[in-house]
Structure formats: structure tokens, C-alpha cells
Amino acid sequence: MFPFKYDTHGLIPAIIQDVDSGEVLMMAYMNQTSVERTLKEKHTVFYSRSRNQYWVKGEISGHTQEVIQVLTDCDRDTLLIKVRQKGGACHLGYRSCFVHELNADGNISRITQDKVFDPTQVYNP
């Protein structure tokens, strides 16, 4: 049913993209169960490598991702999930996790977005 190429830990990277703007919001990992849950529940469910547990995007913050479309690449080793994002996708408070622009030396030269929420108010009230 799921002919994906998972890595040696049973995980596959999932790129999350805003369905309307095309903006890449984040990247996280999924295993077969989180893929199944995402397809069934129509909200993103990821697998945390550091905590060894599932997490539903927005479960704590309320910043949810409604799944519109799930695609796989030609090698079937990466997923692209198009979503309608409510609030910010980044745990640092930004809409996208990809906000740190690098200079030629590889150092962060600037932040490309303003925060859409205060993470200290959401995760450490």
C-alpha cells in the first residue's frame, strides 16, 4: 500500500508546502504510521526522532496544517505535502522554518520574515 523508500530507521522526509502560495514551510520526518494517519486524518502527523514519538502539528500551538494533497517524488524517498497552514509552521514563531538567509561565508546574514507568534507565550506560558 505504501511503496515508499524509508531510510534505515523507517523514516521518510516530508516537505511541507503552502498549497496557495507555494511557500515551503518546513521539513519533518514520517514513518509508515504517521503517513497513514496524515492521509486518514487530513492533518500532518510526524515522527520525532529526538523524542521517539508521534506529534500532530498544531497539537500544542493550535497552528495546524490541513492536508490538501500528498505527493511523492519519482524515487519514492521523499514526500511533498501541500497544506493550508493556520498560524506559523516554525516553533521559533515564524510562518516558515526557512527564514535564515546565509551569506557567502555560510553565516546567517539576516532573518527574512517577522514572527507571527511569540513562542514563549505558546510553549512556555
PDB file of N, CA and C in Angstrom:
ATOM      1  N   MET A   1       0.815  -1.205   0.000  1.00  0.00           N
ATOM      2  CA  MET A   1       0.000   0.000   0.000  1.00  0.00           C
ATOM      3  C   MET A   1       0.856   1.265   0.000  1.00  0.00           C
ATOM      4  N   PHE A   2       1.982   1.248   0.723  1.00  0.00           N
ATOM      5  CA  PHE A   2       2.857   2.409   0.790  1.00  0.00           C
ATOM      6  C   PHE A   2       4.231   2.014   0.269  1.00  0.00           C
ATOM      7  N   PRO A   3       4.429   2.072  -1.040  1.00  0.00           N
ATOM      8  CA  PRO A   3       5.690   1.620  -1.641  1.00  0.00           C
ATOM      9  C   PRO A   3       6.796   2.661  -1.556  1.00  0.00           C
ATOM     10  N   PHE A   4       6.974   3.256  -0.376  1.00  0.00           N
ATOM     11  CA  PHE A   4       7.984   4.292  -0.219  1.00  0.00           C
ATOM     12  C   PHE A   4       9.316   3.678   0.167  1.00  0.00           C
ATOM     13  N   LYS A   5      10.378   4.418  -0.072  1.00  0.00           N
ATOM     14  CA  LYS A   5      11.716   4.004   0.331  1.00  0.00           C
ATOM     15  C   LYS A   5      12.058   4.725   1.631  1.00  0.00           C
ATOM     16  N   TYR A   6      11.789   4.055   2.734  1.00  0.00           N
ATOM     17  CA  TYR A   6      12.125   4.601   4.042  1.00  0.00           C
ATOM     18  C   TYR A   6      13.615   4.401   4.301  1.00  0.00           C
ATOM     19  N   ASP A   7      14.201   5.244   5.152  1.00  0.00           N
ATOM     20  CA  ASP A   7      15.617   5.081   5.477  1.00  0.00           C
ATOM     21  C   ASP A   7      15.798   3.909   6.439  1.00  0.00           C
ATOM     22  N   THR A   8      17.017   3.711   6.917  1.00  0.00           N
ATOM     23  CA  THR A   8      17.307   2.565   7.780  1.00  0.00           C
ATOM     24  C   THR A   8      16.577   2.637   9.126  1.00  0.00           C
ATOM     25  N   HIS A   9      16.069   3.810   9.472  1.00  0.00           N
ATOM     26  CA  HIS A   9      15.303   3.985  10.715  1.00  0.00           C
ATOM     27  C   HIS A   9      13.797   3.926  10.458  1.00  0.00           C
ATOM     28  N   GLY A  10      13.419   3.621   9.219  1.00  0.00           N
ATOM     29  CA  GLY A  10      11.999   3.542   8.872  1.00  0.00           C
ATOM     30  C   GLY A  10      11.350   4.890   8.656  1.00  0.00           C
ATOM     31  N   LEU A  11      12.153   5.904   8.320  1.00  0.00           N
ATOM     32  CA  LEU A  11      11.639   7.266   8.172  1.00  0.00           C
ATOM     33  C   LEU A  11      11.782   7.762   6.740  1.00  0.00           C
ATOM     34  N   ILE A  12      10.916   8.703   6.391  1.00  0.00           N
ATOM     35  CA  ILE A  12      10.956   9.356   5.093  1.00  0.00           C
ATOM     36  C   ILE A  12      10.802  10.862   5.327  1.00  0.00           C
ATOM     37  N   PRO A  13      11.614  11.698   4.668  1.00  0.00           N
ATOM     38  CA  PRO A  13      11.454  13.144   4.836  1.00  0.00           C
ATOM     39  C   PRO A  13      10.177  13.631   4.156  1.00  0.00           C
ATOM     40  N   ALA A  14       9.539  14.592   4.806  1.00  0.00           N
ATOM     41  CA  ALA A  14       8.326  15.200   4.270  1.00  0.00           C
ATOM     42  C   ALA A  14       8.513  16.708   4.223  1.00  0.00           C
ATOM     43  N   ILE A  15       8.411  17.252   3.023  1.00  0.00           N
ATOM     44  CA  ILE A  15       8.493  18.699   2.824  1.00  0.00           C
ATOM     45  C   ILE A  15       7.067  19.230   2.870  1.00  0.00           C
ATOM     46  N   ILE A  16       6.853  20.254   3.675  1.00  0.00           N
ATOM     47  CA  ILE A  16       5.516  20.817   3.836  1.00  0.00           C
ATOM     48  C   ILE A  16       5.475  22.157   3.120  1.00  0.00           C
ATOM     49  N   GLN A  17       4.491  22.299   2.219  1.00  0.00           N
ATOM     50  CA  GLN A  17       4.384  23.474   1.363  1.00  0.00           C
ATOM     51  C   GLN A  17       2.981  24.059   1.458  1.00  0.00           C
ATOM     52  N   ASP A  18       2.898  25.391   1.491  1.00  0.00           N
ATOM     53  CA  ASP A  18       1.605  26.064   1.473  1.00  0.00           C
ATOM     54  C   ASP A  18       0.958  25.865   0.112  1.00  0.00           C
ATOM     55  N   VAL A  19      -0.252  25.327   0.092  1.00  0.00           N
ATOM     56  CA  VAL A  19      -0.926  24.995  -1.169  1.00  0.00           C
ATOM     57  C   VAL A  19      -1.244  26.234  -2.003  1.00  0.00           C
ATOM     58  N   ASP A  20      -1.501  27.363  -1.364  1.00  0.00           N
ATOM     59  CA  ASP A  20      -1.888  28.571  -2.095  1.00  0.00           C
ATOM     60  C   ASP A  20      -0.698  29.385  -2.581  1.00  0.00           C
ATOM     61  N   SER A  21       0.292  29.611  -1.714  1.00  0.00           N
ATOM     62  CA  SER A  21       1.421  30.473  -2.080  1.00  0.00           C
ATOM     63  C   SER A  21       2.610  29.709  -2.654  1.00  0.00           C
ATOM     64  N   GLY A  22       2.701  28.419  -2.383  1.00  0.00           N
ATOM     65  CA  GLY A  22       3.852  27.637  -2.813  1.00  0.00           C
ATOM     66  C   GLY A  22       5.036  27.744  -1.859  1.00  0.00           C
ATOM     67  N   GLU A  23       4.915  28.533  -0.807  1.00  0.00           N
ATOM     68  CA  GLU A  23       5.999  28.697   0.160  1.00  0.00           C
ATOM     69  C   GLU A  23       6.301  27.373   0.857  1.00  0.00           C
ATOM     70  N   VAL A  24       7.590  27.039   0.963  1.00  0.00           N
ATOM     71  CA  VAL A  24       7.997  25.872   1.726  1.00  0.00           C
ATOM     72  C   VAL A  24       7.979  26.267   3.199  1.00  0.00           C
ATOM     73  N   LEU A  25       7.222  25.528   3.987  1.00  0.00           N
ATOM     74  CA  LEU A  25       7.024  25.882   5.388  1.00  0.00           C
ATOM     75  C   LEU A  25       7.973  25.153   6.331  1.00  0.00           C
ATOM     76  N   MET A  26       8.206  23.887   6.062  1.00  0.00           N
ATOM     77  CA  MET A  26       9.030  23.097   6.974  1.00  0.00           C
ATOM     78  C   MET A  26       9.381  21.754   6.354  1.00  0.00           C
ATOM     79  N   MET A  27      10.237  21.007   7.037  1.00  0.00           N
ATOM     80  CA  MET A  27      10.571  19.643   6.688  1.00  0.00           C
ATOM     81  C   MET A  27      10.588  18.855   7.986  1.00  0.00           C
ATOM     82  N   ALA A  28       9.988  17.686   7.947  1.00  0.00           N
ATOM     83  CA  ALA A  28       9.981  16.812   9.123  1.00  0.00           C
ATOM     84  C   ALA A  28      10.013  15.372   8.625  1.00  0.00           C
ATOM     85  N   TYR A  29      10.070  14.447   9.558  1.00  0.00           N
ATOM     86  CA  TYR A  29      10.126  13.035   9.189  1.00  0.00           C
ATOM     87  C   TYR A  29       8.825  12.325   9.529  1.00  0.00           C
ATOM     88  N   MET A  30       8.547  11.299   8.741  1.00  0.00           N
ATOM     89  CA  MET A  30       7.369  10.463   8.954  1.00  0.00           C
ATOM     90  C   MET A  30       7.792   9.003   8.846  1.00  0.00           C
ATOM     91  N   ASN A  31       7.058   8.141   9.533  1.00  0.00           N
ATOM     92  CA  ASN A  31       7.199   6.710   9.300  1.00  0.00           C
ATOM     93  C   ASN A  31       5.883   6.215   8.706  1.00  0.00           C
ATOM     94  N   GLN A  32       5.752   4.934   8.500  1.00  0.00           N
ATOM     95  CA  GLN A  32       4.552   4.432   7.828  1.00  0.00           C
ATOM     96  C   GLN A  32       3.280   4.792   8.593  1.00  0.00           C
ATOM     97  N   THR A  33       3.305   4.684   9.908  1.00  0.00           N
ATOM     98  CA  THR A  33       2.123   5.003  10.708  1.00  0.00           C
ATOM     99  C   THR A  33       1.758   6.474  10.603  1.00  0.00           C
ATOM    100  N   SER A  34       2.757   7.363  10.644  1.00  0.00           N
ATOM    101  CA  SER A  34       2.428   8.796  10.548  1.00  0.00           C
ATOM    102  C   SER A  34       1.942   9.166   9.154  1.00  0.00           C
ATOM    103  N   VAL A  35       2.434   8.476   8.120  1.00  0.00           N
ATOM    104  CA  VAL A  35       1.900   8.692   6.771  1.00  0.00           C
ATOM    105  C   VAL A  35       0.437   8.252   6.723  1.00  0.00           C
ATOM    106  N   GLU A  36       0.158   7.074   7.250  1.00  0.00           N
ATOM    107  CA  GLU A  36      -1.219   6.562   7.270  1.00  0.00           C
ATOM    108  C   GLU A  36      -2.144   7.505   8.015  1.00  0.00           C
ATOM    109  N   ARG A  37      -1.706   7.978   9.184  1.00  0.00           N
ATOM    110  CA  ARG A  37      -2.530   8.890   9.982  1.00  0.00           C
ATOM    111  C   ARG A  37      -2.750  10.210   9.253  1.00  0.00           C
ATOM    112  N   THR A  38      -1.704  10.743   8.617  1.00  0.00           N
ATOM    113  CA  THR A  38      -1.819  12.004   7.877  1.00  0.00           C
ATOM    114  C   THR A  38      -2.848  11.866   6.761  1.00  0.00           C
ATOM    115  N   LEU A  39      -2.793  10.784   6.018  1.00  0.00           N
ATOM    116  CA  LEU A  39      -3.738  10.566   4.925  1.00  0.00           C
ATOM    117  C   LEU A  39      -5.169  10.414   5.446  1.00  0.00           C
ATOM    118  N   LYS A  40      -5.327   9.727   6.550  1.00  0.00           N
ATOM    119  CA  LYS A  40      -6.657   9.480   7.114  1.00  0.00           C
ATOM    120  C   LYS A  40      -7.233  10.706   7.834  1.00  0.00           C
ATOM    121  N   GLU A  41      -6.409  11.362   8.648  1.00  0.00           N
ATOM    122  CA  GLU A  41      -6.875  12.469   9.491  1.00  0.00           C
ATOM    123  C   GLU A  41      -6.884  13.810   8.777  1.00  0.00           C
ATOM    124  N   LYS A  42      -6.173  13.921   7.643  1.00  0.00           N
ATOM    125  CA  LYS A  42      -6.093  15.160   6.849  1.00  0.00           C
ATOM    126  C   LYS A  42      -5.437  16.306   7.607  1.00  0.00           C
ATOM    127  N   HIS A  43      -4.597  15.960   8.584  1.00  0.00           N
ATOM    128  CA  HIS A  43      -3.731  16.899   9.292  1.00  0.00           C
ATOM    129  C   HIS A  43      -2.374  16.227   9.423  1.00  0.00           C
ATOM    130  N   THR A  44      -1.300  17.011   9.393  1.00  0.00           N
ATOM    131  CA  THR A  44       0.024  16.408   9.411  1.00  0.00           C
ATOM    132  C   THR A  44       0.341  15.772  10.758  1.00  0.00           C
ATOM    133  N   VAL A  45       0.875  14.562  10.675  1.00  0.00           N
ATOM    134  CA  VAL A  45       1.340  13.803  11.834  1.00  0.00           C
ATOM    135  C   VAL A  45       2.776  13.391  11.517  1.00  0.00           C
ATOM    136  N   PHE A  46       3.691  13.760  12.369  1.00  0.00           N
ATOM    137  CA  PHE A  46       5.104  13.491  12.135  1.00  0.00           C
ATOM    138  C   PHE A  46       5.643  12.533  13.186  1.00  0.00           C
ATOM    139  N   TYR A  47       6.870  12.073  12.938  1.00  0.00           N
ATOM    140  CA  TYR A  47       7.558  11.245  13.920  1.00  0.00           C
ATOM    141  C   TYR A  47       8.801  11.991  14.387  1.00  0.00           C
ATOM    142  N   SER A  48       8.891  12.251  15.671  1.00  0.00           N
ATOM    143  CA  SER A  48      10.025  12.971  16.243  1.00  0.00           C
ATOM    144  C   SER A  48      11.170  12.001  16.496  1.00  0.00           C
ATOM    145  N   ARG A  49      12.291  12.253  15.836  1.00  0.00           N
ATOM    146  CA  ARG A  49      13.474  11.418  16.037  1.00  0.00           C
ATOM    147  C   ARG A  49      14.067  11.631  17.420  1.00  0.00           C
ATOM    148  N   SER A  50      14.033  12.853  17.928  1.00  0.00           N
ATOM    149  CA  SER A  50      14.638  13.138  19.234  1.00  0.00           C
ATOM    150  C   SER A  50      13.793  12.623  20.397  1.00  0.00           C
ATOM    151  N   ARG A  51      12.478  12.659  20.249  1.00  0.00           N
ATOM    152  CA  ARG A  51      11.590  12.205  21.328  1.00  0.00           C
ATOM    153  C   ARG A  51      11.064  10.792  21.104  1.00  0.00           C
ATOM    154  N   ASN A  52      11.317  10.231  19.920  1.00  0.00           N
ATOM    155  CA  ASN A  52      10.827   8.892  19.572  1.00  0.00           C
ATOM    156  C   ASN A  52       9.327   8.765  19.801  1.00  0.00           C
ATOM    157  N   GLN A  53       8.588   9.736  19.273  1.00  0.00           N
ATOM    158  CA  GLN A  53       7.132   9.701  19.416  1.00  0.00           C
ATOM    159  C   GLN A  53       6.482  10.496  18.293  1.00  0.00           C
ATOM    160  N   TYR A  54       5.187  10.270  18.123  1.00  0.00           N
ATOM    161  CA  TYR A  54       4.417  10.987  17.109  1.00  0.00           C
ATOM    162  C   TYR A  54       4.048  12.363  17.628  1.00  0.00           C
ATOM    163  N   TRP A  55       3.902  13.305  16.690  1.00  0.00           N
ATOM    164  CA  TRP A  55       3.382  14.622  17.061  1.00  0.00           C
ATOM    165  C   TRP A  55       2.513  15.149  15.931  1.00  0.00           C
ATOM    166  N   VAL A  56       1.389  15.681  16.325  1.00  0.00           N
ATOM    167  CA  VAL A  56       0.443  16.280  15.387  1.00  0.00           C
ATOM    168  C   VAL A  56       0.757  17.768  15.336  1.00  0.00           C
ATOM    169  N   LYS A  57       1.026  18.271  14.137  1.00  0.00           N
ATOM    170  CA  LYS A  57       1.359  19.694  14.003  1.00  0.00           C
ATOM    171  C   LYS A  57       0.193  20.538  14.504  1.00  0.00           C
ATOM    172  N   GLY A  58       0.472  21.422  15.439  1.00  0.00           N
ATOM    173  CA  GLY A  58      -0.543  22.299  15.997  1.00  0.00           C
ATOM    174  C   GLY A  58      -1.211  21.772  17.249  1.00  0.00           C
ATOM    175  N   GLU A  59      -0.842  20.592  17.679  1.00  0.00           N
ATOM    176  CA  GLU A  59      -1.454  19.987  18.862  1.00  0.00           C
ATOM    177  C   GLU A  59      -1.287  20.863  20.102  1.00  0.00           C
ATOM    178  N   ILE A  60      -0.127  21.482  20.245  1.00  0.00           N
ATOM    179  CA  ILE A  60       0.134  22.359  21.386  1.00  0.00           C
ATOM    180  C   ILE A  60      -0.144  23.813  21.025  1.00  0.00           C
ATOM    181  N   SER A  61       0.341  24.245  19.867  1.00  0.00           N
ATOM    182  CA  SER A  61       0.278  25.659  19.484  1.00  0.00           C
ATOM    183  C   SER A  61      -1.063  26.092  18.897  1.00  0.00           C
ATOM    184  N   GLY A  62      -1.813  25.139  18.321  1.00  0.00           N
ATOM    185  CA  GLY A  62      -3.028  25.492  17.594  1.00  0.00           C
ATOM    186  C   GLY A  62      -2.739  25.910  16.159  1.00  0.00           C
ATOM    187  N   HIS A  63      -1.469  25.877  15.756  1.00  0.00           N
ATOM    188  CA  HIS A  63      -1.042  26.265  14.415  1.00  0.00           C
ATOM    189  C   HIS A  63      -1.040  25.013  13.535  1.00  0.00           C
ATOM    190  N   THR A  64      -2.206  24.663  13.057  1.00  0.00           N
ATOM    191  CA  THR A  64      -2.428  23.387  12.383  1.00  0.00           C
ATOM    192  C   THR A  64      -2.148  23.444  10.890  1.00  0.00           C
ATOM    193  N   GLN A  65      -2.051  22.249  10.305  1.00  0.00           N
ATOM    194  CA  GLN A  65      -1.857  22.103   8.871  1.00  0.00           C
ATOM    195  C   GLN A  65      -2.922  21.170   8.318  1.00  0.00           C
ATOM    196  N   GLU A  66      -3.854  21.726   7.549  1.00  0.00           N
ATOM    197  CA  GLU A  66      -4.871  20.928   6.882  1.00  0.00           C
ATOM    198  C   GLU A  66      -4.258  20.367   5.594  1.00  0.00           C
ATOM    199  N   VAL A  67      -4.251  19.055   5.470  1.00  0.00           N
ATOM    200  CA  VAL A  67      -3.634  18.412   4.318  1.00  0.00           C
ATOM    201  C   VAL A  67      -4.566  18.488   3.116  1.00  0.00           C
ATOM    202  N   ILE A  68      -4.050  19.034   2.020  1.00  0.00           N
ATOM    203  CA  ILE A  68      -4.797  19.151   0.775  1.00  0.00           C
ATOM    204  C   ILE A  68      -4.355  18.085  -0.219  1.00  0.00           C
ATOM    205  N   GLN A  69      -3.036  17.849  -0.294  1.00  0.00           N
ATOM    206  CA  GLN A  69      -2.518  16.899  -1.270  1.00  0.00           C
ATOM    207  C   GLN A  69      -1.201  16.321  -0.760  1.00  0.00           C
ATOM    208  N   VAL A  70      -1.001  15.022  -1.000  1.00  0.00           N
ATOM    209  CA  VAL A  70       0.255  14.361  -0.656  1.00  0.00           C
ATOM    210  C   VAL A  70       0.838  13.765  -1.935  1.00  0.00           C
ATOM    211  N   LEU A  71       2.089  14.130  -2.208  1.00  0.00           N
ATOM    212  CA  LEU A  71       2.784  13.633  -3.402  1.00  0.00           C
ATOM    213  C   LEU A  71       4.085  12.969  -2.974  1.00  0.00           C
ATOM    214  N   THR A  72       4.598  12.092  -3.823  1.00  0.00           N
ATOM    215  CA  THR A  72       5.923  11.533  -3.612  1.00  0.00           C
ATOM    216  C   THR A  72       6.765  11.833  -4.842  1.00  0.00           C
ATOM    217  N   ASP A  73       8.067  11.874  -4.650  1.00  0.00           N
ATOM    218  CA  ASP A  73       8.957  12.117  -5.783  1.00  0.00           C
ATOM    219  C   ASP A  73       9.122  10.832  -6.585  1.00  0.00           C
ATOM    220  N   CYS A  74       9.838  10.930  -7.700  1.00  0.00           N
ATOM    221  CA  CYS A  74       9.981   9.801  -8.619  1.00  0.00           C
ATOM    222  C   CYS A  74      10.719   8.621  -7.992  1.00  0.00           C
ATOM    223  N   ASP A  75      11.576   8.878  -7.011  1.00  0.00           N
ATOM    224  CA  ASP A  75      12.294   7.791  -6.340  1.00  0.00           C
ATOM    225  C   ASP A  75      11.511   7.221  -5.157  1.00  0.00           C
ATOM    226  N   ARG A  76      10.415   7.873  -4.822  1.00  0.00           N
ATOM    227  CA  ARG A  76       9.561   7.484  -3.693  1.00  0.00           C
ATOM    228  C   ARG A  76      10.316   7.482  -2.360  1.00  0.00           C
ATOM    229  N   ASP A  77      11.266   8.432  -2.224  1.00  0.00           N
ATOM    230  CA  ASP A  77      12.001   8.525  -0.972  1.00  0.00           C
ATOM    231  C   ASP A  77      11.831   9.872  -0.272  1.00  0.00           C
ATOM    232  N   THR A  78      10.917  10.694  -0.785  1.00  0.00           N
ATOM    233  CA  THR A  78      10.587  11.984  -0.176  1.00  0.00           C
ATOM    234  C   THR A  78       9.123  12.288  -0.447  1.00  0.00           C
ATOM    235  N   LEU A  79       8.457  12.878   0.533  1.00  0.00           N
ATOM    236  CA  LEU A  79       7.069  13.299   0.362  1.00  0.00           C
ATOM    237  C   LEU A  79       6.997  14.812   0.248  1.00  0.00           C
ATOM    238  N   LEU A  80       6.035  15.283  -0.515  1.00  0.00           N
ATOM    239  CA  LEU A  80       5.685  16.702  -0.580  1.00  0.00           C
ATOM    240  C   LEU A  80       4.232  16.783  -0.155  1.00  0.00           C
ATOM    241  N   ILE A  81       3.984  17.494   0.938  1.00  0.00           N
ATOM    242  CA  ILE A  81       2.629  17.602   1.468  1.00  0.00           C
ATOM    243  C   ILE A  81       2.190  19.051   1.352  1.00  0.00           C
ATOM    244  N   LYS A  82       1.131  19.259   0.592  1.00  0.00           N
ATOM    245  CA  LYS A  82       0.584  20.606   0.404  1.00  0.00           C
ATOM    246  C   LYS A  82      -0.522  20.813   1.427  1.00  0.00           C
ATOM    247  N   VAL A  83      -0.412  21.922   2.149  1.00  0.00           N
ATOM    248  CA  VAL A  83      -1.304  22.169   3.284  1.00  0.00           C
ATOM    249  C   VAL A  83      -1.877  23.578   3.257  1.00  0.00           C
ATOM    250  N   ARG A  84      -2.911  23.765   4.050  1.00  0.00           N
ATOM    251  CA  ARG A  84      -3.388  25.097   4.418  1.00  0.00           C
ATOM    252  C   ARG A  84      -2.912  25.305   5.849  1.00  0.00           C
ATOM    253  N   GLN A  85      -1.973  26.223   5.982  1.00  0.00           N
ATOM    254  CA  GLN A  85      -1.344  26.493   7.281  1.00  0.00           C
ATOM    255  C   GLN A  85      -2.174  27.496   8.065  1.00  0.00           C
ATOM    256  N   LYS A  86      -2.435  27.169   9.311  1.00  0.00           N
ATOM    257  CA  LYS A  86      -3.069  28.109  10.236  1.00  0.00           C
ATOM    258  C   LYS A  86      -1.985  28.587  11.192  1.00  0.00           C
ATOM    259  N   GLY A  87      -1.673  29.882  11.165  1.00  0.00           N
ATOM    260  CA  GLY A  87      -0.619  30.410  12.026  1.00  0.00           C
ATOM    261  C   GLY A  87       0.756  30.096  11.482  1.00  0.00           C
ATOM    262  N   GLY A  88       1.725  29.967  12.369  1.00  0.00           N
ATOM    263  CA  GLY A  88       3.100  29.713  11.965  1.00  0.00           C
ATOM    264  C   GLY A  88       3.441  28.235  11.960  1.00  0.00           C
ATOM    265  N   ALA A  89       4.337  27.861  11.068  1.00  0.00           N
ATOM    266  CA  ALA A  89       4.793  26.473  10.998  1.00  0.00           C
ATOM    267  C   ALA A  89       6.034  26.251  11.859  1.00  0.00           C
ATOM    268  N   CYS A  90       6.787  27.306  12.117  1.00  0.00           N
ATOM    269  CA  CYS A  90       8.064  27.194  12.816  1.00  0.00           C
ATOM    270  C   CYS A  90       7.893  27.351  14.325  1.00  0.00           C
ATOM    271  N   HIS A  91       8.548  26.480  15.088  1.00  0.00           N
ATOM    272  CA  HIS A  91       8.457  26.554  16.547  1.00  0.00           C
ATOM    273  C   HIS A  91       9.152  27.797  17.117  1.00  0.00           C
ATOM    274  N   LEU A  92       9.900  28.520  16.276  1.00  0.00           N
ATOM    275  CA  LEU A  92      10.526  29.770  16.718  1.00  0.00           C
ATOM    276  C   LEU A  92       9.608  30.978  16.526  1.00  0.00           C
ATOM    277  N   GLY A  93       8.432  30.742  15.930  1.00  0.00           N
ATOM    278  CA  GLY A  93       7.452  31.813  15.792  1.00  0.00           C
ATOM    279  C   GLY A  93       7.258  32.343  14.387  1.00  0.00           C
ATOM    280  N   TYR A  94       7.972  31.813  13.422  1.00  0.00           N
ATOM    281  CA  TYR A  94       7.857  32.279  12.040  1.00  0.00           C
ATOM    282  C   TYR A  94       6.835  31.448  11.271  1.00  0.00           C
ATOM    283  N   ARG A  95       6.335  32.006  10.178  1.00  0.00           N
ATOM    284  CA  ARG A  95       5.412  31.258   9.322  1.00  0.00           C
ATOM    285  C   ARG A  95       6.105  30.046   8.711  1.00  0.00           C
ATOM    286  N   SER A  96       7.365  30.226   8.280  1.00  0.00           N
ATOM    287  CA  SER A  96       8.158  29.156   7.675  1.00  0.00           C
ATOM    288  C   SER A  96       9.392  28.889   8.526  1.00  0.00           C
ATOM    289  N   CYS A  97       9.866  27.666   8.506  1.00  0.00           N
ATOM    290  CA  CYS A  97      11.125  27.344   9.177  1.00  0.00           C
ATOM    291  C   CYS A  97      12.330  27.860   8.403  1.00  0.00           C
ATOM    292  N   PHE A  98      12.139  28.172   7.130  1.00  0.00           N
ATOM    293  CA  PHE A  98      13.244  28.585   6.265  1.00  0.00           C
ATOM    294  C   PHE A  98      13.325  30.107   6.190  1.00  0.00           C
ATOM    295  N   VAL A  99      13.864  30.716   7.244  1.00  0.00           N
ATOM    296  CA  VAL A  99      13.913  32.174   7.341  1.00  0.00           C
ATOM    297  C   VAL A  99      15.324  32.724   7.526  1.00  0.00           C
ATOM    298  N   HIS A 100      16.294  31.858   7.717  1.00  0.00           N
ATOM    299  CA  HIS A 100      17.663  32.300   7.982  1.00  0.00           C
ATOM    300  C   HIS A 100      18.461  32.319   6.681  1.00  0.00           C
ATOM    301  N   GLU A 101      18.716  33.523   6.173  1.00  0.00           N
ATOM    302  CA  GLU A 101      19.483  33.669   4.933  1.00  0.00           C
ATOM    303  C   GLU A 101      20.976  33.613   5.247  1.00  0.00           C
ATOM    304  N   LEU A 102      21.704  32.827   4.453  1.00  0.00           N
ATOM    305  CA  LEU A 102      23.142  32.684   4.664  1.00  0.00           C
ATOM    306  C   LEU A 102      23.929  33.592   3.730  1.00  0.00           C
ATOM    307  N   ASN A 103      25.084  34.070   4.231  1.00  0.00           N
ATOM    308  CA  ASN A 103      25.982  34.848   3.381  1.00  0.00           C
ATOM    309  C   ASN A 103      26.997  33.895   2.747  1.00  0.00           C
ATOM    310  N   ALA A 104      27.950  34.442   1.990  1.00  0.00           N
ATOM    311  CA  ALA A 104      28.934  33.627   1.278  1.00  0.00           C
ATOM    312  C   ALA A 104      29.814  32.809   2.216  1.00  0.00           C
ATOM    313  N   ASP A 105      29.941  33.237   3.472  1.00  0.00           N
ATOM    314  CA  ASP A 105      30.742  32.510   4.457  1.00  0.00           C
ATOM    315  C   ASP A 105      29.954  31.407   5.151  1.00  0.00           C
ATOM    316  N   GLY A 106      28.664  31.320   4.845  1.00  0.00           N
ATOM    317  CA  GLY A 106      27.826  30.307   5.472  1.00  0.00           C
ATOM    318  C   GLY A 106      27.245  30.722   6.807  1.00  0.00           C
ATOM    319  N   ASN A 107      27.396  31.986   7.136  1.00  0.00           N
ATOM    320  CA  ASN A 107      26.823  32.514   8.374  1.00  0.00           C
ATOM    321  C   ASN A 107      25.456  33.119   8.091  1.00  0.00           C
ATOM    322  N   ILE A 108      24.622  33.139   9.110  1.00  0.00           N
ATOM    323  CA  ILE A 108      23.309  33.758   8.955  1.00  0.00           C
ATOM    324  C   ILE A 108      23.499  35.261   8.807  1.00  0.00           C
ATOM    325  N   SER A 109      23.009  35.799   7.697  1.00  0.00           N
ATOM    326  CA  SER A 109      23.159  37.232   7.451  1.00  0.00           C
ATOM    327  C   SER A 109      21.920  38.017   7.830  1.00  0.00           C
ATOM    328  N   ARG A 110      20.753  37.350   7.758  1.00  0.00           N
ATOM    329  CA  ARG A 110      19.529  38.049   8.160  1.00  0.00           C
ATOM    330  C   ARG A 110      18.390  37.055   8.289  1.00  0.00           C
ATOM    331  N   ILE A 111      17.362  37.503   8.986  1.00  0.00           N
ATOM    332  CA  ILE A 111      16.104  36.773   9.116  1.00  0.00           C
ATOM    333  C   ILE A 111      15.158  37.367   8.080  1.00  0.00           C
ATOM    334  N   THR A 112      14.528  36.541   7.268  1.00  0.00           N
ATOM    335  CA  THR A 112      13.749  37.033   6.129  1.00  0.00           C
ATOM    336  C   THR A 112      12.273  37.276   6.433  1.00  0.00           C
ATOM    337  N   GLN A 113      11.816  36.919   7.632  1.00  0.00           N
ATOM    338  CA  GLN A 113      10.400  37.115   7.986  1.00  0.00           C
ATOM    339  C   GLN A 113      10.285  37.687   9.388  1.00  0.00           C
ATOM    340  N   ASP A 114       9.155  38.304   9.660  1.00  0.00           N
ATOM    341  CA  ASP A 114       8.807  38.685  11.014  1.00  0.00           C
ATOM    342  C   ASP A 114       8.089  37.518  11.667  1.00  0.00           C
ATOM    343  N   LYS A 115       8.170  37.448  12.979  1.00  0.00           N
ATOM    344  CA  LYS A 115       7.468  36.385  13.702  1.00  0.00           C
ATOM    345  C   LYS A 115       5.964  36.615  13.616  1.00  0.00           C
ATOM    346  N   VAL A 116       5.221  35.512  13.523  1.00  0.00           N
ATOM    347  CA  VAL A 116       3.763  35.587  13.502  1.00  0.00           C
ATOM    348  C   VAL A 116       3.161  35.234  14.863  1.00  0.00           C
ATOM    349  N   PHE A 117       4.005  34.691  15.765  1.00  0.00           N
ATOM    350  CA  PHE A 117       3.565  34.451  17.133  1.00  0.00           C
ATOM    351  C   PHE A 117       4.791  34.411  18.040  1.00  0.00           C
ATOM    352  N   ASP A 118       4.549  34.573  19.335  1.00  0.00           N
ATOM    353  CA  ASP A 118       5.612  34.548  20.336  1.00  0.00           C
ATOM    354  C   ASP A 118       5.688  33.136  20.914  1.00  0.00           C
ATOM    355  N   PRO A 119       6.747  32.395  20.614  1.00  0.00           N
ATOM    356  CA  PRO A 119       6.822  31.012  21.079  1.00  0.00           C
ATOM    357  C   PRO A 119       6.854  30.877  22.603  1.00  0.00           C
ATOM    358  N   THR A 120       7.351  31.887  23.322  1.00  0.00           N
ATOM    359  CA  THR A 120       7.354  31.794  24.784  1.00  0.00           C
ATOM    360  C   THR A 120       5.944  31.815  25.349  1.00  0.00           C
ATOM    361  N   GLN A 121       5.030  32.467  24.642  1.00  0.00           N
ATOM    362  CA  GLN A 121       3.636  32.505  25.069  1.00  0.00           C
ATOM    363  C   GLN A 121       2.894  31.209  24.716  1.00  0.00           C
ATOM    364  N   VAL A 122       3.365  30.537  23.686  1.00  0.00           N
ATOM    365  CA  VAL A 122       2.691  29.314  23.209  1.00  0.00           C
ATOM    366  C   VAL A 122       3.230  28.065  23.908  1.00  0.00           C
ATOM    367  N   TYR A 123       4.541  27.951  24.023  1.00  0.00           N
ATOM    368  CA  TYR A 123       5.137  26.722  24.531  1.00  0.00           C
ATOM    369  C   TYR A 123       5.559  26.777  25.992  1.00  0.00           C
ATOM    370  N   ASN A 124       5.694  27.972  26.566  1.00  0.00           N
ATOM    371  CA  ASN A 124       6.085  28.111  27.969  1.00  0.00           C
ATOM    372  C   ASN A 124       5.214  29.143  28.670  1.00  0.00           C
ATOM    373  N   PRO A 125       3.897  28.955  28.654  1.00  0.00           N
ATOM    374  CA  PRO A 125       3.025  30.006  29.241  1.00  0.00           C
ATOM    375  C   PRO A 125       3.188  30.138  30.737  1.00  0.00           C
TER     376      PRO A 125
END
